[in-house]
Amino acid sequence: MLFINDYISPVGKILLYASNKGLKGLYFYNQKYFPNISLLDAQHHENKIIYNIKLYLDDYFNGKNTSHNIPLEIEGTEFQKLVWAMLLKIPYGKTTTYYNIALEVAKIRCLKSAPFQAVGNAIGRNKISILIPCHRVLGKDGSLKGYAAGIHIKEYLLKLENIIIK
């Protein structure tokens, strides 16, 4: 069974989407690649996973309890899953760059050149914002670059984590 519910954050409404196994999606409303989930596909109720993610988000937006043990049900291509696994390794309050992730992907996959555009596309299609912290990825020069939910939300999340932006 699938469940959807909303969470009201300081930067706007968030759609939470989960099964009984794990969180499948955390989307800011009006973000690029917002899912087309109908009430026929999911019940508009809270299950244990949605209840727990709401508690985590309350803490996160209040600057506490930065780790979580919420099970994630990650769906995507193998390439996307590889990129998202790298995002999961970025600690709270730290950043990396699209460039560094692309170099690491090239190394892991034994590629002759780094797949910069593909990495950017995979990061942009992250289905579980905040928990898979794509907001912690910056441009090669440390500047703010793209965020599916909007650059203003990315900036807010980084400041919330005390990350200084160039």
N, C-alpha and C. Protein backbone atom coordinates (compact mmCIF):
# COMPACT_ATOMS: atom_id res chain seq x y z
N MET A 1 0.83 -1.18 0.00
CA MET A 1 0.00 0.00 0.00
C MET A 1 0.88 1.25 0.00
N LEU A 2 0.47 2.27 -0.71
CA LEU A 2 1.20 3.53 -0.80
C LEU A 2 0.44 4.62 -0.06
N PHE A 3 1.20 5.54 0.54
CA PHE A 3 0.62 6.62 1.32
C PHE A 3 1.24 7.94 0.90
N ILE A 4 0.43 8.99 0.89
CA ILE A 4 0.93 10.34 0.66
C ILE A 4 0.41 11.23 1.78
N ASN A 5 1.18 12.27 2.05
CA ASN A 5 0.77 13.24 3.05
C ASN A 5 1.60 14.49 2.83
N ASP A 6 1.16 15.58 3.38
CA ASP A 6 1.86 16.85 3.23
C ASP A 6 2.56 17.23 4.52
N TYR A 7 3.63 17.99 4.35
CA TYR A 7 4.35 18.56 5.48
C TYR A 7 4.54 20.03 5.17
N ILE A 8 4.25 20.89 6.12
CA ILE A 8 4.43 22.33 5.93
C ILE A 8 5.77 22.72 6.54
N SER A 9 6.69 23.11 5.67
CA SER A 9 8.03 23.49 6.11
C SER A 9 8.16 25.01 6.08
N PRO A 10 9.23 25.55 6.64
CA PRO A 10 9.45 27.00 6.59
C PRO A 10 9.66 27.53 5.16
N VAL A 11 9.94 26.63 4.22
CA VAL A 11 10.15 27.08 2.83
C VAL A 11 9.09 26.54 1.89
N GLY A 12 7.99 26.09 2.43
CA GLY A 12 6.89 25.66 1.58
C GLY A 12 6.42 24.24 1.86
N LYS A 13 5.33 23.90 1.21
CA LYS A 13 4.69 22.60 1.40
C LYS A 13 5.51 21.51 0.71
N ILE A 14 5.60 20.36 1.40
CA ILE A 14 6.35 19.21 0.92
C ILE A 14 5.41 18.02 0.82
N LEU A 15 5.50 17.28 -0.27
CA LEU A 15 4.75 16.04 -0.44
C LEU A 15 5.62 14.88 0.04
N LEU A 16 5.07 14.07 0.93
CA LEU A 16 5.73 12.87 1.41
C LEU A 16 5.02 11.67 0.81
N TYR A 17 5.78 10.72 0.31
CA TYR A 17 5.25 9.58 -0.42
C TYR A 17 5.98 8.34 0.10
N ALA A 18 5.23 7.36 0.63
CA ALA A 18 5.87 6.21 1.25
C ALA A 18 5.05 4.94 1.06
N SER A 19 5.76 3.83 1.15
CA SER A 19 5.12 2.52 1.26
C SER A 19 5.32 2.09 2.72
N ASN A 20 4.94 0.89 3.04
CA ASN A 20 5.20 0.38 4.39
C ASN A 20 6.66 -0.03 4.55
N LYS A 21 7.42 -0.10 3.43
CA LYS A 21 8.83 -0.47 3.48
C LYS A 21 9.74 0.73 3.68
N GLY A 22 9.36 1.89 3.10
CA GLY A 22 10.25 3.03 3.21
C GLY A 22 9.72 4.27 2.52
N LEU A 23 10.45 5.35 2.70
CA LEU A 23 10.11 6.62 2.06
C LEU A 23 10.48 6.54 0.59
N LYS A 24 9.53 6.84 -0.28
CA LYS A 24 9.75 6.77 -1.72
C LYS A 24 9.97 8.15 -2.32
N GLY A 25 9.46 9.19 -1.65
CA GLY A 25 9.60 10.53 -2.20
C GLY A 25 9.40 11.61 -1.16
N LEU A 26 10.17 12.68 -1.32
CA LEU A 26 10.03 13.88 -0.52
C LEU A 26 10.24 15.02 -1.50
N TYR A 27 9.14 15.64 -1.91
CA TYR A 27 9.15 16.62 -2.98
C TYR A 27 8.60 17.96 -2.50
N PHE A 28 9.30 19.03 -2.82
CA PHE A 28 8.72 20.36 -2.62
C PHE A 28 7.68 20.58 -3.71
N TYR A 29 6.52 21.12 -3.32
CA TYR A 29 5.50 21.40 -4.32
C TYR A 29 6.06 22.39 -5.34
N ASN A 30 5.67 22.23 -6.56
CA ASN A 30 6.09 23.06 -7.70
C ASN A 30 7.54 22.85 -8.11
N GLN A 31 8.22 21.84 -7.56
CA GLN A 31 9.58 21.59 -8.00
C GLN A 31 9.55 20.88 -9.35
N LYS A 32 10.65 20.99 -10.05
CA LYS A 32 10.82 20.30 -11.32
C LYS A 32 10.74 18.80 -11.04
N TYR A 33 10.16 18.06 -11.95
CA TYR A 33 10.01 16.60 -11.86
C TYR A 33 9.10 16.17 -10.72
N PHE A 34 8.13 17.01 -10.37
CA PHE A 34 7.15 16.64 -9.33
C PHE A 34 6.37 15.41 -9.82
N PRO A 35 6.15 14.43 -8.96
CA PRO A 35 5.51 13.18 -9.41
C PRO A 35 4.03 13.35 -9.70
N ASN A 36 3.54 12.50 -10.54
CA ASN A 36 2.12 12.48 -10.85
C ASN A 36 1.51 11.31 -10.07
N ILE A 37 1.17 11.57 -8.83
CA ILE A 37 0.60 10.55 -7.95
C ILE A 37 -0.86 10.90 -7.71
N SER A 38 -1.73 9.98 -8.02
CA SER A 38 -3.15 10.25 -7.81
C SER A 38 -3.61 9.56 -6.54
N LEU A 39 -4.75 9.99 -6.05
CA LEU A 39 -5.33 9.36 -4.86
C LEU A 39 -5.77 7.94 -5.17
N LEU A 40 -5.84 7.59 -6.45
CA LEU A 40 -6.14 6.21 -6.81
C LEU A 40 -4.93 5.32 -6.56
N ASP A 41 -3.74 5.92 -6.65
CA ASP A 41 -2.50 5.17 -6.45
C ASP A 41 -2.09 5.09 -4.98
N ALA A 42 -2.48 6.08 -4.20
CA ALA A 42 -2.02 6.15 -2.82
C ALA A 42 -3.11 6.71 -1.91
N GLN A 43 -3.09 6.28 -0.67
CA GLN A 43 -4.02 6.80 0.32
C GLN A 43 -3.43 8.05 0.95
N HIS A 44 -4.27 9.05 1.14
CA HIS A 44 -3.81 10.31 1.74
C HIS A 44 -3.91 10.18 3.26
N HIS A 45 -3.00 9.40 3.80
CA HIS A 45 -2.95 9.13 5.24
C HIS A 45 -1.50 9.04 5.67
N GLU A 46 -1.31 9.01 6.98
CA GLU A 46 0.02 8.80 7.54
C GLU A 46 0.20 7.32 7.87
N ASN A 47 1.32 6.78 7.49
CA ASN A 47 1.73 5.49 8.02
C ASN A 47 2.92 5.77 8.95
N LYS A 48 3.52 4.74 9.47
CA LYS A 48 4.63 4.90 10.42
C LYS A 48 5.80 5.66 9.79
N ILE A 49 6.08 5.39 8.53
CA ILE A 49 7.21 6.04 7.86
C ILE A 49 6.95 7.54 7.72
N ILE A 50 5.75 7.89 7.28
CA ILE A 50 5.43 9.32 7.12
C ILE A 50 5.41 10.01 8.49
N TYR A 51 4.87 9.36 9.49
CA TYR A 51 4.89 9.92 10.84
C TYR A 51 6.32 10.22 11.27
N ASN A 52 7.22 9.26 11.06
CA ASN A 52 8.62 9.43 11.48
C ASN A 52 9.36 10.48 10.65
N ILE A 53 9.07 10.58 9.38
CA ILE A 53 9.75 11.60 8.57
C ILE A 53 9.27 12.99 9.00
N LYS A 54 8.03 13.11 9.37
CA LYS A 54 7.54 14.41 9.87
C LYS A 54 8.26 14.81 11.16
N LEU A 55 8.46 13.86 12.05
CA LEU A 55 9.21 14.16 13.27
C LEU A 55 10.64 14.57 12.94
N TYR A 56 11.26 13.86 12.00
CA TYR A 56 12.63 14.20 11.59
C TYR A 56 12.67 15.61 10.98
N LEU A 57 11.72 15.90 10.10
CA LEU A 57 11.70 17.23 9.46
C LEU A 57 11.48 18.33 10.48
N ASP A 58 10.65 18.09 11.49
CA ASP A 58 10.48 19.08 12.55
C ASP A 58 11.83 19.38 13.20
N ASP A 59 12.56 18.33 13.53
CA ASP A 59 13.88 18.51 14.14
C ASP A 59 14.85 19.17 13.16
N TYR A 60 14.88 18.70 11.93
CA TYR A 60 15.80 19.24 10.92
C TYR A 60 15.60 20.75 10.75
N PHE A 61 14.36 21.16 10.59
CA PHE A 61 14.10 22.58 10.37
C PHE A 61 14.28 23.42 11.64
N ASN A 62 14.43 22.76 12.78
CA ASN A 62 14.77 23.44 14.02
C ASN A 62 16.25 23.31 14.36
N GLY A 63 17.03 22.77 13.42
CA GLY A 63 18.47 22.69 13.57
C GLY A 63 18.96 21.62 14.54
N LYS A 64 18.16 20.60 14.77
CA LYS A 64 18.60 19.52 15.65
C LYS A 64 18.37 18.15 15.02
N ASN A 65 18.94 17.15 15.65
CA ASN A 65 18.79 15.75 15.21
C ASN A 65 19.04 15.61 13.71
N THR A 66 20.27 15.78 13.32
CA THR A 66 20.61 15.81 11.90
C THR A 66 20.78 14.44 11.27
N SER A 67 20.74 13.38 12.06
CA SER A 67 20.81 12.04 11.49
C SER A 67 19.42 11.41 11.54
N HIS A 68 19.24 10.38 10.75
CA HIS A 68 17.93 9.71 10.73
C HIS A 68 18.13 8.22 10.50
N ASN A 69 17.12 7.47 10.81
CA ASN A 69 17.11 6.04 10.54
C ASN A 69 15.85 5.66 9.77
N ILE A 70 15.38 6.56 8.96
CA ILE A 70 14.18 6.33 8.17
C ILE A 70 14.55 5.47 6.97
N PRO A 71 13.88 4.34 6.79
CA PRO A 71 14.19 3.50 5.64
C PRO A 71 13.78 4.20 4.35
N LEU A 72 14.66 4.11 3.36
CA LEU A 72 14.40 4.72 2.06
C LEU A 72 14.13 3.63 1.04
N GLU A 73 13.13 3.83 0.23
CA GLU A 73 12.84 2.91 -0.88
C GLU A 73 13.20 3.65 -2.17
N ILE A 74 14.46 3.58 -2.53
CA ILE A 74 15.00 4.37 -3.63
C ILE A 74 14.72 3.68 -4.96
N GLU A 75 14.07 4.42 -5.86
CA GLU A 75 13.76 3.89 -7.19
C GLU A 75 14.39 4.79 -8.24
N GLY A 76 15.08 4.19 -9.17
CA GLY A 76 15.71 4.93 -10.26
C GLY A 76 16.58 3.99 -11.06
N THR A 77 17.27 4.55 -12.02
CA THR A 77 18.18 3.74 -12.82
C THR A 77 19.40 3.38 -11.97
N GLU A 78 20.18 2.43 -12.42
CA GLU A 78 21.39 2.07 -11.69
C GLU A 78 22.34 3.27 -11.59
N PHE A 79 22.42 4.06 -12.67
CA PHE A 79 23.28 5.24 -12.66
C PHE A 79 22.78 6.24 -11.62
N GLN A 80 21.47 6.51 -11.61
CA GLN A 80 20.92 7.43 -10.62
C GLN A 80 21.19 6.94 -9.20
N LYS A 81 20.98 5.66 -8.97
CA LYS A 81 21.21 5.10 -7.63
C LYS A 81 22.68 5.25 -7.21
N LEU A 82 23.59 5.10 -8.15
CA LEU A 82 25.02 5.29 -7.85
C LEU A 82 25.27 6.73 -7.41
N VAL A 83 24.73 7.68 -8.17
CA VAL A 83 24.92 9.10 -7.84
C VAL A 83 24.26 9.42 -6.50
N TRP A 84 23.05 8.95 -6.30
CA TRP A 84 22.34 9.24 -5.05
C TRP A 84 23.05 8.60 -3.86
N ALA A 85 23.66 7.43 -4.05
CA ALA A 85 24.43 6.81 -2.97
C ALA A 85 25.60 7.72 -2.57
N MET A 86 26.19 8.40 -3.54
CA MET A 86 27.28 9.34 -3.24
C MET A 86 26.75 10.53 -2.46
N LEU A 87 25.56 10.99 -2.79
CA LEU A 87 24.96 12.11 -2.06
C LEU A 87 24.72 11.73 -0.60
N LEU A 88 24.33 10.50 -0.37
CA LEU A 88 24.06 10.04 1.00
C LEU A 88 25.32 10.08 1.87
N LYS A 89 26.47 10.11 1.26
CA LYS A 89 27.74 10.14 2.00
C LYS A 89 28.16 11.55 2.39
N ILE A 90 27.46 12.58 1.89
CA ILE A 90 27.82 13.96 2.23
C ILE A 90 27.27 14.28 3.62
N PRO A 91 28.15 14.52 4.58
CA PRO A 91 27.67 14.77 5.95
C PRO A 91 26.92 16.09 6.08
N TYR A 92 26.08 16.13 7.09
CA TYR A 92 25.38 17.37 7.46
C TYR A 92 26.41 18.48 7.65
N GLY A 93 26.13 19.64 7.09
CA GLY A 93 27.01 20.79 7.26
C GLY A 93 28.21 20.80 6.33
N LYS A 94 28.31 19.85 5.43
CA LYS A 94 29.42 19.77 4.47
C LYS A 94 28.87 19.81 3.05
N THR A 95 29.74 20.10 2.11
CA THR A 95 29.33 20.13 0.70
C THR A 95 30.36 19.41 -0.16
N THR A 96 29.96 19.16 -1.39
CA THR A 96 30.86 18.69 -2.44
C THR A 96 30.43 19.41 -3.71
N THR A 97 31.04 19.04 -4.81
CA THR A 97 30.70 19.69 -6.08
C THR A 97 30.20 18.65 -7.08
N TYR A 98 29.46 19.15 -8.07
CA TYR A 98 29.04 18.30 -9.18
C TYR A 98 30.29 17.71 -9.85
N TYR A 99 31.31 18.52 -9.96
CA TYR A 99 32.56 18.11 -10.59
C TYR A 99 33.17 16.91 -9.86
N ASN A 100 33.28 17.00 -8.54
CA ASN A 100 33.87 15.91 -7.76
C ASN A 100 33.05 14.62 -7.86
N ILE A 101 31.74 14.75 -7.86
CA ILE A 101 30.90 13.56 -7.98
C ILE A 101 31.09 12.93 -9.36
N ALA A 102 31.14 13.75 -10.41
CA ALA A 102 31.33 13.22 -11.76
C ALA A 102 32.68 12.51 -11.88
N LEU A 103 33.73 13.06 -11.28
CA LEU A 103 35.04 12.41 -11.30
C LEU A 103 34.99 11.06 -10.57
N GLU A 104 34.30 11.02 -9.47
CA GLU A 104 34.19 9.77 -8.71
C GLU A 104 33.38 8.72 -9.49
N VAL A 105 32.31 9.15 -10.15
CA VAL A 105 31.53 8.23 -10.98
C VAL A 105 32.40 7.66 -12.09
N ALA A 106 33.18 8.52 -12.73
CA ALA A 106 34.08 8.06 -13.81
C ALA A 106 35.07 7.03 -13.28
N LYS A 107 35.59 7.28 -12.10
CA LYS A 107 36.55 6.36 -11.48
C LYS A 107 35.89 5.01 -11.18
N ILE A 108 34.72 5.04 -10.56
CA ILE A 108 34.01 3.81 -10.20
C ILE A 108 33.64 3.00 -11.43
N ARG A 109 33.20 3.69 -12.48
CA ARG A 109 32.74 3.01 -13.69
C ARG A 109 33.83 2.82 -14.74
N CYS A 110 35.06 3.20 -14.39
CA CYS A 110 36.20 3.07 -15.31
C CYS A 110 35.94 3.77 -16.64
N LEU A 111 35.45 5.00 -16.57
CA LEU A 111 35.17 5.78 -17.77
C LEU A 111 36.37 6.64 -18.12
N LYS A 112 36.53 6.92 -19.40
CA LYS A 112 37.64 7.75 -19.85
C LYS A 112 37.43 9.21 -19.53
N SER A 113 36.16 9.62 -19.49
CA SER A 113 35.87 11.01 -19.14
C SER A 113 34.71 11.04 -18.15
N ALA A 114 34.66 12.12 -17.39
CA ALA A 114 33.63 12.25 -16.36
C ALA A 114 32.29 12.63 -16.99
N PRO A 115 31.21 11.97 -16.57
CA PRO A 115 29.88 12.23 -17.12
C PRO A 115 29.19 13.41 -16.41
N PHE A 116 29.72 14.61 -16.63
CA PHE A 116 29.25 15.79 -15.90
C PHE A 116 27.75 16.03 -16.07
N GLN A 117 27.26 16.03 -17.31
CA GLN A 117 25.85 16.32 -17.55
C GLN A 117 24.96 15.23 -16.97
N ALA A 118 25.35 13.99 -17.13
CA ALA A 118 24.55 12.88 -16.60
C ALA A 118 24.46 12.94 -15.08
N VAL A 119 25.56 13.30 -14.44
CA VAL A 119 25.55 13.44 -12.97
C VAL A 119 24.60 14.57 -12.56
N GLY A 120 24.68 15.69 -13.25
CA GLY A 120 23.78 16.80 -12.95
C GLY A 120 22.33 16.42 -13.13
N ASN A 121 22.04 15.67 -14.19
CA ASN A 121 20.66 15.22 -14.42
C ASN A 121 20.20 14.27 -13.33
N ALA A 122 21.06 13.35 -12.92
CA ALA A 122 20.69 12.40 -11.86
C ALA A 122 20.43 13.14 -10.55
N ILE A 123 21.28 14.09 -10.23
CA ILE A 123 21.09 14.85 -8.99
C ILE A 123 19.78 15.62 -9.05
N GLY A 124 19.48 16.22 -10.20
CA GLY A 124 18.25 16.97 -10.36
C GLY A 124 16.99 16.13 -10.24
N ARG A 125 17.11 14.84 -10.50
CA ARG A 125 15.96 13.94 -10.43
C ARG A 125 15.88 13.17 -9.11
N ASN A 126 16.63 13.61 -8.14
CA ASN A 126 16.57 13.02 -6.80
C ASN A 126 15.13 13.06 -6.30
N LYS A 127 14.61 11.91 -5.89
CA LYS A 127 13.22 11.81 -5.47
C LYS A 127 13.02 12.02 -3.97
N ILE A 128 14.13 12.04 -3.22
CA ILE A 128 14.00 12.13 -1.76
C ILE A 128 14.86 13.29 -1.28
N SER A 129 14.39 14.50 -1.56
CA SER A 129 15.11 15.70 -1.16
C SER A 129 15.38 15.70 0.34
N ILE A 130 16.34 16.46 0.73
CA ILE A 130 16.79 16.64 2.12
C ILE A 130 17.46 15.37 2.66
N LEU A 131 16.78 14.23 2.66
CA LEU A 131 17.40 13.01 3.17
C LEU A 131 18.50 12.50 2.25
N ILE A 132 18.28 12.58 0.94
CA ILE A 132 19.37 12.38 -0.02
C ILE A 132 19.77 13.81 -0.38
N PRO A 133 20.81 14.32 0.26
CA PRO A 133 21.07 15.76 0.31
C PRO A 133 21.68 16.39 -0.95
N CYS A 134 20.89 16.46 -1.99
CA CYS A 134 21.36 17.08 -3.23
C CYS A 134 21.60 18.58 -3.05
N HIS A 135 21.01 19.17 -2.02
CA HIS A 135 21.23 20.60 -1.77
C HIS A 135 22.67 20.88 -1.35
N ARG A 136 23.41 19.85 -0.96
CA ARG A 136 24.80 20.02 -0.52
C ARG A 136 25.79 19.95 -1.67
N VAL A 137 25.30 19.94 -2.90
CA VAL A 137 26.17 19.88 -4.07
C VAL A 137 26.24 21.26 -4.72
N LEU A 138 27.46 21.74 -4.88
CA LEU A 138 27.70 23.09 -5.41
C LEU A 138 28.44 23.03 -6.74
N GLY A 139 28.54 24.19 -7.36
CA GLY A 139 29.32 24.31 -8.58
C GLY A 139 30.80 24.10 -8.28
N LYS A 140 31.58 23.87 -9.31
CA LYS A 140 33.01 23.60 -9.16
C LYS A 140 33.72 24.71 -8.37
N ASP A 141 33.25 25.95 -8.52
CA ASP A 141 33.86 27.09 -7.83
C ASP A 141 33.23 27.35 -6.45
N GLY A 142 32.36 26.45 -5.99
CA GLY A 142 31.72 26.61 -4.69
C GLY A 142 30.45 27.46 -4.72
N SER A 143 30.01 27.82 -5.91
CA SER A 143 28.82 28.66 -6.02
C SER A 143 27.54 27.81 -6.08
N LEU A 144 26.43 28.48 -5.81
CA LEU A 144 25.13 27.82 -5.90
C LEU A 144 24.81 27.53 -7.36
N LYS A 145 24.45 26.31 -7.62
CA LYS A 145 24.00 25.90 -8.95
C LYS A 145 22.72 25.12 -8.77
N GLY A 146 21.89 25.10 -9.76
CA GLY A 146 20.61 24.42 -9.83
C GLY A 146 20.10 23.67 -8.61
N TYR A 147 18.81 23.67 -8.46
CA TYR A 147 18.12 22.89 -7.45
C TYR A 147 16.68 22.76 -7.95
N ALA A 148 16.20 21.54 -8.06
CA ALA A 148 14.88 21.30 -8.65
C ALA A 148 13.77 22.05 -7.94
N ALA A 149 13.94 22.31 -6.65
CA ALA A 149 12.91 23.03 -5.89
C ALA A 149 13.10 24.54 -5.92
N GLY A 150 14.19 24.99 -6.52
CA GLY A 150 14.47 26.42 -6.59
C GLY A 150 15.71 26.77 -5.79
N ILE A 151 16.51 27.64 -6.34
CA ILE A 151 17.79 28.01 -5.72
C ILE A 151 17.58 28.65 -4.34
N HIS A 152 16.46 29.36 -4.14
CA HIS A 152 16.19 29.98 -2.84
C HIS A 152 16.00 28.92 -1.75
N ILE A 153 15.44 27.77 -2.09
CA ILE A 153 15.27 26.70 -1.10
C ILE A 153 16.62 26.05 -0.81
N LYS A 154 17.42 25.86 -1.85
CA LYS A 154 18.77 25.31 -1.65
C LYS A 154 19.57 26.21 -0.72
N GLU A 155 19.51 27.49 -0.97
CA GLU A 155 20.23 28.46 -0.14
C GLU A 155 19.74 28.40 1.31
N TYR A 156 18.44 28.30 1.50
CA TYR A 156 17.87 28.22 2.85
C TYR A 156 18.40 26.98 3.58
N LEU A 157 18.37 25.82 2.90
CA LEU A 157 18.81 24.57 3.51
C LEU A 157 20.29 24.62 3.88
N LEU A 158 21.10 25.20 3.02
CA LEU A 158 22.53 25.31 3.30
C LEU A 158 22.78 26.23 4.50
N LYS A 159 22.08 27.35 4.54
CA LYS A 159 22.23 28.25 5.69
C LYS A 159 21.75 27.59 6.98
N LEU A 160 20.68 26.80 6.88
CA LEU A 160 20.17 26.06 8.03
C LEU A 160 21.25 25.13 8.60
N GLU A 161 22.06 24.58 7.72
CA GLU A 161 23.15 23.68 8.12
C GLU A 161 24.45 24.43 8.40
N ASN A 162 24.37 25.75 8.48
CA ASN A 162 25.53 26.61 8.76
C ASN A 162 26.63 26.48 7.71
N ILE A 163 26.22 26.29 6.47
CA ILE A 163 27.18 26.23 5.37
C ILE A 163 27.28 27.62 4.76
N ILE A 164 28.50 28.12 4.69
CA ILE A 164 28.73 29.46 4.13
C ILE A 164 28.87 29.31 2.61
N ILE A 165 28.09 30.11 1.91
CA ILE A 165 28.06 30.07 0.45
C ILE A 165 28.89 31.22 -0.11
N LYS A 166 29.69 30.93 -1.11
CA LYS A 166 30.53 31.96 -1.74
C LYS A 166 29.69 32.96 -2.50
